[in-house]
C-alpha atoms as a PDB file:
ATOM      1  CA  MET A   1      -0.124  -0.108  -0.078  1.00  0.00           C
ATOM      2  CA  TYR A   2       1.204   3.556  -0.952  1.00  0.00           C
ATOM      3  CA  GLY A   3       1.603   5.847   2.073  1.00  0.00           C
ATOM      4  CA  PRO A   4       3.162   8.758   3.310  1.00  0.00           C
ATOM      5  CA  GLY A   5       6.488   6.395   4.353  1.00  0.00           C
ATOM      6  CA  VAL A   6       6.575   5.302   0.687  1.00  0.00           C
ATOM      7  CA  LYS A   7       9.345   7.270  -1.301  1.00  0.00           C
ATOM      8  CA  VAL A   8       8.347   8.898  -4.434  1.00  0.00           C
ATOM      9  CA  GLY A   9      11.240   7.004  -6.385  1.00  0.00           C
ATOM     10  CA  ASN A  10       9.244   3.839  -5.308  1.00  0.00           C
ATOM     11  CA  TRP A  11       5.957   5.144  -7.362  1.00  0.00           C
ATOM     12  CA  LEU A  12       8.212   6.124 -10.155  1.00  0.00           C
ATOM     13  CA  GLU A  13       9.926   2.889 -10.459  1.00  0.00           C
ATOM     14  CA  THR A  14       6.921   0.972 -10.861  1.00  0.00           C
ATOM     15  CA  ALA A  15       4.829   3.466 -13.071  1.00  0.00           C
ATOM     16  CA  LEU A  16       8.010   3.037 -15.433  1.00  0.00           C
ATOM     17  CA  SER A  17       8.244  -0.612 -15.198  1.00  0.00           C
ATOM     18  CA  GLU A  18       4.654  -0.992 -16.053  1.00  0.00           C
ATOM     19  CA  GLU A  19       5.082   1.569 -18.966  1.00  0.00           C
ATOM     20  CA  MET A  20       8.204  -0.745 -20.355  1.00  0.00           C
ATOM     21  CA  ARG A  21       5.906  -3.970 -19.946  1.00  0.00           C
ATOM     22  CA  MET A  22       3.548  -2.590 -21.942  1.00  0.00           C
ATOM     23  CA  SER A  23       5.581  -1.129 -24.684  1.00  0.00           C
ATOM     24  CA  ASP A  24       7.411  -4.526 -25.021  1.00  0.00           C
ATOM     25  CA  MET A  25       3.967  -6.326 -25.226  1.00  0.00           C
ATOM     26  CA  LYS A  26       3.143  -3.803 -28.017  1.00  0.00           C
ATOM     27  CA  LYS A  27       6.558  -4.419 -29.860  1.00  0.00           C
ATOM     28  CA  ARG A  28       5.882  -8.402 -29.703  1.00  0.00           C
ATOM     29  CA  ARG A  29       2.280  -7.933 -30.989  1.00  0.00           C
ATOM     30  CA  GLU A  30       3.240  -5.690 -33.759  1.00  0.00           C
ATOM     31  CA  SER A  31       5.976  -8.428 -35.093  1.00  0.00           C
ATOM     32  CA  GLY A  32       3.663 -11.243 -34.300  1.00  0.00           C
ATOM     33  CA  ASN A  33       5.647 -12.698 -31.392  1.00  0.00           C
ATOM     34  CA  LEU A  34       2.762 -12.981 -29.077  1.00  0.00           C
ATOM     35  CA  LEU A  35       1.962 -16.830 -27.984  1.00  0.00           C
ATOM     36  CA  LEU A  36      -1.721 -15.884 -28.770  1.00  0.00           C
ATOM     37  CA  ASP A  37      -0.841 -14.363 -32.279  1.00  0.00           C
ATOM     38  CA  LYS A  38       1.390 -17.463 -33.004  1.00  0.00           C
ATOM     39  CA  THR A  39      -1.265 -20.208 -31.863  1.00  0.00           C
ATOM     40  CA  ARG A  40      -4.044 -18.592 -34.289  1.00  0.00           C
ATOM     41  CA  ALA A  41      -1.560 -18.151 -37.211  1.00  0.00           C
ATOM     42  CA  VAL A  42      -0.595 -22.217 -36.569  1.00  0.00           C
ATOM     43  CA  TYR A  43      -4.641 -22.869 -36.438  1.00  0.00           C
ATOM     44  CA  ASP A  44      -5.486 -20.897 -39.657  1.00  0.00           C
ATOM     45  CA  ARG A  45      -2.313 -22.575 -41.347  1.00  0.00           C
ATOM     46  CA  PHE A  46      -3.024 -26.436 -40.137  1.00  0.00           C
ATOM     47  CA  TYR A  47      -7.025 -25.911 -41.195  1.00  0.00           C
ATOM     48  CA  GLN A  48      -6.068 -24.585 -44.900  1.00  0.00           C
ATOM     49  CA  GLY A  49      -8.560 -26.060 -47.132  1.00  0.00           C
ATOM     50  CA  THR A  50      -7.291 -28.617 -49.524  1.00  0.00           C
ATOM     51  CA  VAL A  51      -8.689 -30.446 -52.637  1.00  0.00           C
ATOM     52  CA  LEU A  52      -9.139 -34.040 -52.447  1.00  0.00           C
ATOM     53  CA  GLY A  53      -8.958 -36.523 -55.602  1.00  0.00           C
ATOM     54  CA  PRO A  54      -8.614 -36.793 -58.055  1.00  0.00           C
ATOM     55  CA  PRO A  55     -11.906 -38.960 -57.217  1.00  0.00           C
ATOM     56  CA  GLN A  56     -11.974 -42.285 -58.644  1.00  0.00           C
ATOM     57  CA  ASP A  57     -13.837 -45.695 -57.708  1.00  0.00           C
ATOM     58  CA  VAL A  58     -10.432 -47.373 -56.600  1.00  0.00           C
ATOM     59  CA  LEU A  59      -7.596 -46.313 -54.908  1.00  0.00           C
ATOM     60  CA  ALA A  60      -4.151 -45.006 -57.160  1.00  0.00           C
ATOM     61  CA  PHE A  61      -1.216 -43.220 -56.248  1.00  0.00           C
ATOM     62  CA  GLY A  62      -0.607 -39.686 -56.301  1.00  0.00           C
ATOM     63  CA  VAL A  63      -4.123 -39.229 -54.963  1.00  0.00           C
ATOM     64  CA  VAL A  64      -4.979 -37.292 -51.962  1.00  0.00           C
ATOM     65  CA  VAL A  65      -7.299 -38.879 -49.748  1.00  0.00           C
ATOM     66  CA  GLN A  66      -8.564 -38.579 -45.747  1.00  0.00           C
ATOM     67  CA  ILE A  67      -8.522 -42.003 -43.779  1.00  0.00           C
ATOM     68  CA  ARG A  68     -11.421 -42.470 -41.305  1.00  0.00           C
ATOM     69  CA  PRO A  69     -12.110 -44.968 -38.838  1.00  0.00           C
ATOM     70  CA  VAL A  70     -15.103 -47.180 -39.616  1.00  0.00           C
ATOM     71  CA  LYS A  71     -16.769 -46.892 -35.936  1.00  0.00           C
ATOM     72  CA  ILE A  72     -15.324 -45.680 -32.829  1.00  0.00           C
ATOM     73  CA  GLY A  73     -17.094 -48.233 -30.161  1.00  0.00           C
ATOM     74  CA  VAL A  74     -16.950 -45.295 -27.526  1.00  0.00           C
ATOM     75  CA  CYS A  75     -19.037 -42.932 -28.970  1.00  0.00           C
ATOM     76  CA  ARG A  76     -22.952 -42.710 -28.818  1.00  0.00           C
ATOM     77  CA  GLN A  77     -22.707 -40.713 -31.884  1.00  0.00           C
ATOM     78  CA  GLN A  78     -21.865 -42.602 -35.651  1.00  0.00           C
ATOM     79  CA  VAL A  79     -18.370 -41.721 -36.828  1.00  0.00           C
ATOM     80  CA  SER A  80     -20.295 -40.250 -39.801  1.00  0.00           C
ATOM     81  CA  ASP A  81     -21.859 -37.363 -37.738  1.00  0.00           C
ATOM     82  CA  GLN A  82     -18.785 -36.761 -36.034  1.00  0.00           C
ATOM     83  CA  ASN A  83     -16.581 -36.961 -39.352  1.00  0.00           C
ATOM     84  CA  LEU A  84     -13.676 -38.280 -37.854  1.00  0.00           C
ATOM     85  CA  VAL A  85     -10.287 -38.600 -39.845  1.00  0.00           C
ATOM     86  CA  LEU A  86      -6.386 -39.218 -39.307  1.00  0.00           C
ATOM     87  CA  SER A  87      -5.084 -35.620 -38.582  1.00  0.00           C
ATOM     88  CA  VAL A  88      -1.598 -33.810 -37.590  1.00  0.00           C
ATOM     89  CA  VAL A  89      -1.741 -32.009 -34.528  1.00  0.00           C
ATOM     90  CA  ILE A  90       1.162 -29.694 -33.635  1.00  0.00           C
ATOM     91  CA  THR A  91       2.821 -30.128 -30.249  1.00  0.00           C
ATOM     92  CA  GLN A  92       3.533 -27.184 -27.442  1.00  0.00           C
ATOM     93  CA  GLU A  93       7.143 -27.731 -28.394  1.00  0.00           C
ATOM     94  CA  GLY A  94       6.757 -26.935 -32.042  1.00  0.00           C
ATOM     95  CA  LEU A  95       4.893 -23.999 -31.170  1.00  0.00           C
ATOM     96  CA  HIS A  96       7.319 -22.780 -28.850  1.00  0.00           C
ATOM     97  CA  ARG A  97      10.121 -23.428 -31.475  1.00  0.00           C
ATOM     98  CA  ASP A  98       8.068 -21.332 -34.199  1.00  0.00           C
ATOM     99  CA  CYS A  99       7.173 -24.321 -36.125  1.00  0.00           C
ATOM    100  CA  LYS A 100       4.622 -22.795 -38.645  1.00  0.00           C
ATOM    101  CA  THR A 101       3.981 -26.012 -40.589  1.00  0.00           C
ATOM    102  CA  ILE A 102       3.895 -29.712 -40.377  1.00  0.00           C
ATOM    103  CA  ASN A 103       7.089 -30.680 -39.297  1.00  0.00           C
ATOM    104  CA  GLU A 104       8.567 -33.845 -37.375  1.00  0.00           C
ATOM    105  CA  MET A 105       7.607 -32.508 -34.109  1.00  0.00           C
ATOM    106  CA  CYS A 106       4.019 -32.982 -34.926  1.00  0.00           C
ATOM    107  CA  ASP A 107       1.938 -35.826 -33.781  1.00  0.00           C
ATOM    108  CA  LEU A 108      -0.833 -37.812 -35.051  1.00  0.00           C
ATOM    109  CA  THR A 109      -4.417 -38.167 -33.975  1.00  0.00           C
ATOM    110  CA  VAL A 110      -7.980 -38.753 -35.239  1.00  0.00           C
ATOM    111  CA  ALA A 111      -9.748 -35.476 -34.969  1.00  0.00           C
ATOM    112  CA  PRO A 112     -13.207 -33.967 -36.254  1.00  0.00           C
ATOM    113  CA  SER A 113     -12.789 -32.792 -39.390  1.00  0.00           C
ATOM    114  CA  PRO A 114     -15.722 -30.181 -40.949  1.00  0.00           C
ATOM    115  CA  ARG A 115     -13.692 -29.999 -44.430  1.00  0.00           C
ATOM    116  CA  PRO A 116     -10.697 -31.112 -45.976  1.00  0.00           C
ATOM    117  CA  ALA A 117      -7.688 -29.373 -44.151  1.00  0.00           C
ATOM    118  CA  LEU A 118      -4.096 -29.072 -44.343  1.00  0.00           C
ATOM    119  CA  ARG A 119      -3.759 -31.174 -41.370  1.00  0.00           C
ATOM    120  CA  ASN A 120      -5.923 -34.147 -42.381  1.00  0.00           C
ATOM    121  CA  SER A 121      -5.310 -34.745 -45.775  1.00  0.00           C
ATOM    122  CA  PHE A 122      -2.424 -37.502 -46.752  1.00  0.00           C
ATOM    123  CA  ARG A 123      -1.231 -38.163 -50.518  1.00  0.00           C
ATOM    124  CA  ILE A 124      -0.563 -41.818 -51.318  1.00  0.00           C
ATOM    125  CA  VAL A 125       2.923 -42.046 -52.732  1.00  0.00           C
ATOM    126  CA  SER A 126       5.132 -45.062 -54.033  1.00  0.00           C
ATOM    127  CA  PRO A 127       7.150 -46.869 -51.205  1.00  0.00           C
ATOM    128  CA  ASN A 128      10.838 -46.050 -52.814  1.00  0.00           C
ATOM    129  CA  GLU A 129      11.416 -42.759 -55.265  1.00  0.00           C
ATOM    130  CA  ASP A 130       9.763 -43.944 -58.596  1.00  0.00           C
ATOM    131  CA  ASP A 131       6.735 -41.564 -59.733  1.00  0.00           C
ATOM    132  CA  ARG A 132       3.845 -44.095 -59.661  1.00  0.00           C
ATOM    133  CA  THR A 133       1.030 -41.500 -60.090  1.00  0.00           C
ATOM    134  CA  GLY A 134      -1.907 -42.504 -61.483  1.00  0.00           C
ATOM    135  CA  GLN A 135      -1.274 -46.399 -61.071  1.00  0.00           C
ATOM    136  CA  TYR A 136      -3.992 -48.406 -58.862  1.00  0.00           C
ATOM    137  CA  LEU A 137      -3.130 -49.520 -55.755  1.00  0.00           C
ATOM    138  CA  ALA A 138      -3.743 -53.053 -54.912  1.00  0.00           C
ATOM    139  CA  TYR A 139      -4.117 -55.273 -51.425  1.00  0.00           C
ATOM    140  CA  GLY A 140      -0.802 -56.103 -50.229  1.00  0.00           C
ATOM    141  CA  GLU A 141       1.001 -53.424 -52.069  1.00  0.00           C
ATOM    142  CA  LYS A 142       3.227 -51.288 -50.367  1.00  0.00           C
ATOM    143  CA  PHE A 143       2.783 -47.504 -50.126  1.00  0.00           C
ATOM    144  CA  ARG A 144       3.798 -44.119 -48.395  1.00  0.00           C
ATOM    145  CA  LEU A 145       1.209 -41.489 -46.465  1.00  0.00           C
ATOM    146  CA  GLN A 146       2.742 -38.213 -47.133  1.00  0.00           C
ATOM    147  CA  ALA A 147       1.687 -35.167 -45.632  1.00  0.00           C
ATOM    148  CA  LEU A 148       0.997 -32.082 -48.068  1.00  0.00           C
ATOM    149  CA  GLU A 149       3.363 -29.654 -46.573  1.00  0.00           C
ATOM    150  CA  PRO A 150       5.996 -28.470 -46.583  1.00  0.00           C
ATOM    151  CA  ALA A 151       6.560 -29.174 -50.547  1.00  0.00           C
ATOM    152  CA  ASP A 152       9.935 -28.690 -50.638  1.00  0.00           C
ATOM    153  CA  GLU A 153      10.738 -31.250 -47.975  1.00  0.00           C
ATOM    154  CA  PRO A 154       8.181 -34.207 -47.829  1.00  0.00           C
ATOM    155  CA  MET A 155       7.150 -35.417 -44.420  1.00  0.00           C
ATOM    156  CA  TYR A 156       5.885 -39.022 -44.193  1.00  0.00           C
ATOM    157  CA  VAL A 157       3.992 -41.195 -41.343  1.00  0.00           C
ATOM    158  CA  PHE A 158       6.155 -43.933 -40.031  1.00  0.00           C
ATOM    159  CA  SER A 159       6.567 -46.075 -37.120  1.00  0.00           C
ATOM    160  CA  GLY A 160       8.937 -48.935 -36.087  1.00  0.00           C
ATOM    161  CA  PRO A 161       9.727 -51.505 -33.824  1.00  0.00           C
ATOM    162  CA  LYS A 162      11.421 -50.651 -30.043  1.00  0.00           C
ATOM    163  CA  ARG A 163      14.910 -50.230 -30.115  1.00  0.00           C
ATOM    164  CA  LEU A 164      17.660 -52.438 -28.478  1.00  0.00           C
ATOM    165  CA  ASN A 165      17.175 -50.389 -24.963  1.00  0.00           C
ATOM    166  CA  LEU A 166      13.332 -50.938 -25.184  1.00  0.00           C
ATOM    167  CA  SER A 167      12.827 -47.052 -25.864  1.00  0.00           C
ATOM    168  CA  LEU A 168       9.978 -46.140 -28.483  1.00  0.00           C
ATOM    169  CA  PRO A 169      11.186 -45.015 -32.065  1.00  0.00           C
ATOM    170  CA  VAL A 170       8.744 -41.854 -31.858  1.00  0.00           C
ATOM    171  CA  ASP A 171       9.197 -39.460 -28.970  1.00  0.00           C
ATOM    172  CA  LYS A 172       5.720 -38.520 -28.103  1.00  0.00           C
ATOM    173  CA  ALA A 173       3.933 -36.608 -25.210  1.00  0.00           C
ATOM    174  CA  PHE A 174       1.282 -38.855 -25.165  1.00  0.00           C
ATOM    175  CA  PHE A 175       0.908 -43.002 -25.120  1.00  0.00           C
ATOM    176  CA  THR A 176      -1.571 -45.477 -24.906  1.00  0.00           C
ATOM    177  CA  THR A 177      -1.198 -49.282 -23.221  1.00  0.00           C
ATOM    178  CA  LYS A 178      -2.491 -53.197 -24.139  1.00  0.00           C
ATOM    179  CA  ASN A 179      -2.100 -55.422 -21.521  1.00  0.00           C
ATOM    180  CA  GLY A 180       0.193 -52.848 -19.460  1.00  0.00           C
ATOM    181  CA  GLU A 181       2.942 -52.481 -22.580  1.00  0.00           C
ATOM    182  CA  ILE A 182       3.237 -49.380 -24.396  1.00  0.00           C
ATOM    183  CA  THR A 183       1.724 -49.566 -28.112  1.00  0.00           C
ATOM    184  CA  LEU A 184       3.962 -48.205 -30.816  1.00  0.00           C
ATOM    185  CA  PRO A 185       2.921 -44.736 -31.320  1.00  0.00           C
ATOM    186  CA  LEU A 186       2.882 -43.071 -34.924  1.00  0.00           C
ATOM    187  CA  GLY A 187       5.016 -39.796 -36.194  1.00  0.00           C
ATOM    188  CA  LEU A 188       6.211 -38.118 -39.227  1.00  0.00           C
ATOM    189  CA  VAL A 189       9.868 -37.806 -40.575  1.00  0.00           C
ATOM    190  CA  SER A 190      11.392 -35.842 -43.247  1.00  0.00           C
ATOM    191  CA  HIS A 191      12.736 -37.060 -46.545  1.00  0.00           C
ATOM    192  CA  LYS A 192      16.126 -36.221 -45.390  1.00  0.00           C
ATOM    193  CA  ASN A 193      16.034 -38.120 -42.343  1.00  0.00           C
ATOM    194  CA  CYS A 194      14.665 -41.103 -43.918  1.00  0.00           C
ATOM    195  CA  GLY A 195      16.972 -43.490 -45.754  1.00  0.00           C
ATOM    196  CA  PRO A 196      19.596 -46.416 -45.527  1.00  0.00           C
ATOM    197  CA  SER A 197      21.886 -43.988 -43.447  1.00  0.00           C
ATOM    198  CA  ALA A 198      19.447 -41.800 -42.212  1.00  0.00           C
ATOM    199  CA  ARG A 199      17.920 -41.927 -38.145  1.00  0.00           C
ATOM    200  CA  VAL A 200      14.911 -43.664 -39.920  1.00  0.00           C
ATOM    201  CA  PRO A 201      15.105 -46.602 -42.313  1.00  0.00           C
ATOM    202  CA  THR A 202      12.916 -46.442 -45.262  1.00  0.00           C
ATOM    203  CA  SER A 203      11.070 -49.487 -44.795  1.00  0.00           C
ATOM    204  CA  HIS A 204       9.733 -47.790 -41.375  1.00  0.00           C
ATOM    205  CA  THR A 205       7.431 -45.615 -43.644  1.00  0.00           C
ATOM    206  CA  HIS A 206       5.816 -48.124 -45.398  1.00  0.00           C
ATOM    207  CA  PHE A 207       2.462 -49.666 -45.113  1.00  0.00           C
ATOM    208  CA  PHE A 208      -0.327 -52.002 -47.137  1.00  0.00           C
ATOM    209  CA  CYS A 209      -3.713 -52.393 -47.441  1.00  0.00           C
ATOM    210  CA  ALA A 210      -5.248 -56.137 -46.054  1.00  0.00           C
ATOM    211  CA  HIS A 211      -8.891 -57.112 -46.602  1.00  0.00           C
ATOM    212  CA  LYS A 212     -10.966 -56.825 -43.666  1.00  0.00           C
ATOM    213  CA  ASP A 213     -12.393 -60.440 -43.926  1.00  0.00           C
ATOM    214  CA  PRO A 214      -8.975 -62.729 -42.728  1.00  0.00           C
ATOM    215  CA  ASP A 215     -10.796 -65.575 -44.808  1.00  0.00           C
ATOM    216  CA  LEU A 216     -10.549 -63.439 -48.038  1.00  0.00           C
ATOM    217  CA  ARG A 217      -7.060 -61.965 -47.654  1.00  0.00           C
ATOM    218  CA  PHE A 218      -4.947 -64.243 -49.948  1.00  0.00           C
ATOM    219  CA  GLU A 219      -7.232 -64.677 -52.620  1.00  0.00           C
ATOM    220  CA  SER A 220      -7.464 -60.503 -52.520  1.00  0.00           C
ATOM    221  CA  GLU A 221      -4.048 -59.740 -52.703  1.00  0.00           C
ATOM    222  CA  GLY A 222      -3.257 -57.952 -55.935  1.00  0.00           C
ATOM    223  CA  LYS A 223      -6.737 -56.789 -56.386  1.00  0.00           C
ATOM    224  CA  THR A 224      -7.586 -52.972 -56.638  1.00  0.00           C
ATOM    225  CA  ILE A 225      -8.784 -51.750 -53.546  1.00  0.00           C
ATOM    226  CA  PRO A 226     -12.411 -49.912 -53.807  1.00  0.00           C
ATOM    227  CA  VAL A 227     -13.084 -46.335 -52.277  1.00  0.00           C
ATOM    228  CA  HIS A 228     -15.072 -46.217 -48.951  1.00  0.00           C
ATOM    229  CA  ASN A 229     -14.490 -50.102 -48.420  1.00  0.00           C
ATOM    230  CA  PRO A 230     -13.081 -51.019 -44.818  1.00  0.00           C
ATOM    231  CA  LEU A 231     -10.029 -52.485 -44.631  1.00  0.00           C
ATOM    232  CA  VAL A 232      -7.135 -53.034 -42.489  1.00  0.00           C
ATOM    233  CA  ILE A 233      -3.759 -50.739 -42.851  1.00  0.00           C
ATOM    234  CA  VAL A 234      -0.889 -52.994 -42.019  1.00  0.00           C
ATOM    235  CA  HIS A 235       2.782 -51.375 -41.138  1.00  0.00           C
ATOM    236  CA  ALA A 236       4.971 -53.484 -43.114  1.00  0.00           C
ATOM    237  CA  VAL A 237       7.557 -53.866 -40.841  1.00  0.00           C
ATOM    238  CA  THR A 238       6.126 -54.424 -37.474  1.00  0.00           C
ATOM    239  CA  ASN A 239       3.041 -56.354 -38.975  1.00  0.00           C
ATOM    240  CA  ARG A 240       0.834 -54.636 -36.820  1.00  0.00           C
ATOM    241  CA  ASN A 241      -2.405 -52.491 -37.864  1.00  0.00           C
ATOM    242  CA  LEU A 242      -3.057 -49.036 -37.608  1.00  0.00           C
ATOM    243  CA  ALA A 243      -5.445 -48.702 -34.648  1.00  0.00           C
ATOM    244  CA  VAL A 244      -7.345 -45.819 -33.112  1.00  0.00           C
ATOM    245  CA  GLU A 245      -7.517 -46.034 -29.273  1.00  0.00           C
ATOM    246  CA  ASN A 246     -10.459 -45.059 -26.852  1.00  0.00           C
ATOM    247  CA  VAL A 247      -8.402 -42.620 -25.168  1.00  0.00           C
ATOM    248  CA  LEU A 248      -8.289 -39.180 -25.630  1.00  0.00           C
ATOM    249  CA  ALA A 249      -5.293 -36.513 -25.642  1.00  0.00           C
ATOM    250  CA  ASN A 250      -5.847 -33.153 -25.063  1.00  0.00           C
ATOM    251  CA  THR A 251      -4.099 -31.035 -27.681  1.00  0.00           C
ATOM    252  CA  LEU A 252      -3.985 -27.276 -28.888  1.00  0.00           C
ATOM    253  CA  PHE A 253      -6.872 -28.063 -31.131  1.00  0.00           C
ATOM    254  CA  GLY A 254      -8.949 -29.576 -28.405  1.00  0.00           C
ATOM    255  CA  PRO A 255      -9.432 -33.412 -27.245  1.00  0.00           C
ATOM    256  CA  GLU A 256      -8.799 -35.701 -29.732  1.00  0.00           C
ATOM    257  CA  PHE A 257      -8.443 -39.504 -30.120  1.00  0.00           C
ATOM    258  CA  GLN A 258      -4.845 -41.236 -29.917  1.00  0.00           C
ATOM    259  CA  VAL A 259      -3.651 -43.478 -32.879  1.00  0.00           C
ATOM    260  CA  SER A 260      -0.693 -46.214 -32.573  1.00  0.00           C
ATOM    261  CA  VAL A 261       0.309 -49.208 -34.423  1.00  0.00           C
ATOM    262  CA  GLN A 262      -1.340 -52.044 -32.737  1.00  0.00           C
ATOM    263  CA  THR A 263      -3.309 -55.312 -33.677  1.00  0.00           C
ATOM    264  CA  TYR A 264      -6.598 -55.948 -31.645  1.00  0.00           C
ATOM    265  CA  LYS A 265      -8.401 -59.061 -32.352  1.00  0.00           C
ATOM    266  CA  ASN A 266     -11.479 -60.609 -30.909  1.00  0.00           C
ATOM    267  CA  VAL A 267     -12.139 -64.449 -29.743  1.00  0.00           C
ATOM    268  CA  TYR A 268     -12.947 -64.978 -33.283  1.00  0.00           C
ATOM    269  CA  LYS A 269      -9.443 -64.028 -34.420  1.00  0.00           C
ATOM    270  CA  ARG A 270     -10.736 -60.988 -36.568  1.00  0.00           C
ATOM    271  CA  GLU A 271      -9.557 -57.460 -36.077  1.00  0.00           C
ATOM    272  CA  THR A 272     -12.095 -55.380 -34.050  1.00  0.00           C
ATOM    273  CA  TRP A 273     -13.341 -51.665 -34.759  1.00  0.00           C
ATOM    274  CA  LYS A 274     -10.078 -50.153 -33.526  1.00  0.00           C
ATOM    275  CA  ASN A 275      -8.102 -51.837 -36.591  1.00  0.00           C
ATOM    276  CA  LEU A 276     -10.855 -50.813 -39.349  1.00  0.00           C
ATOM    277  CA  TRP A 277     -10.492 -47.600 -41.588  1.00  0.00           C
ATOM    278  CA  LYS A 278     -11.476 -46.457 -44.880  1.00  0.00           C
ATOM    279  CA  PHE A 279      -9.964 -44.168 -47.517  1.00  0.00           C
ATOM    280  CA  THR A 280     -12.515 -41.363 -48.916  1.00  0.00           C
ATOM    281  CA  TYR A 281     -12.522 -38.443 -50.970  1.00  0.00           C
END
């Protein structure tokens, strides 16, 4: 409390300190360095609209698609009403490092998608450096999922087995477990960090599709994949399935379902709803 015993110099010091703080905040706002402004810019960037396709009856290399879970067993509403799709979400670390687009510090979740956007659209590309744009994708054929940005440095979805010290191949802020064991997470890796002598082997970015019915998988291999048909997406190296978990993660975009590479089967040895996906335009 200010009173007769308080020196005038203390009043002046407090006033100058407040004035300097306001001046610094104005400068940071004008330069766009406020955390609020950074968050708004990232939000607008990740929700920038995209165009899917070109639409076809079957999947092909080079097309832009969305990957949707067929159903979510913990929701009262239908998945079609929520419009849930596989999405990229930026982490707090990436936000503090001024990351303005999709990068290796981003995580993958299943989130509501009111419309196709940069964070929830992926391009199906060849498992190697060959350009196979326009060729049809078949059951059992390997492919990679590429994020739409950045254009000069492709980012691929990847996973991998545990290392020799039992650490996970992807550093994430949240994990899920199955029977007490941590499931394998999904991450993003850039093209320059993916290769024979790089941090992530190229094979760790390979996936392939399998028929949802185990009795029809052998005879369906080599056949084209109809769009909107439920299927199983398998990680080639670990031979585990892409899964949506019934666990929510609090992200910068709100609560979203976590994803992993883990096989879930029922007593009939068939994949449960967690492993069933479909590609859509």
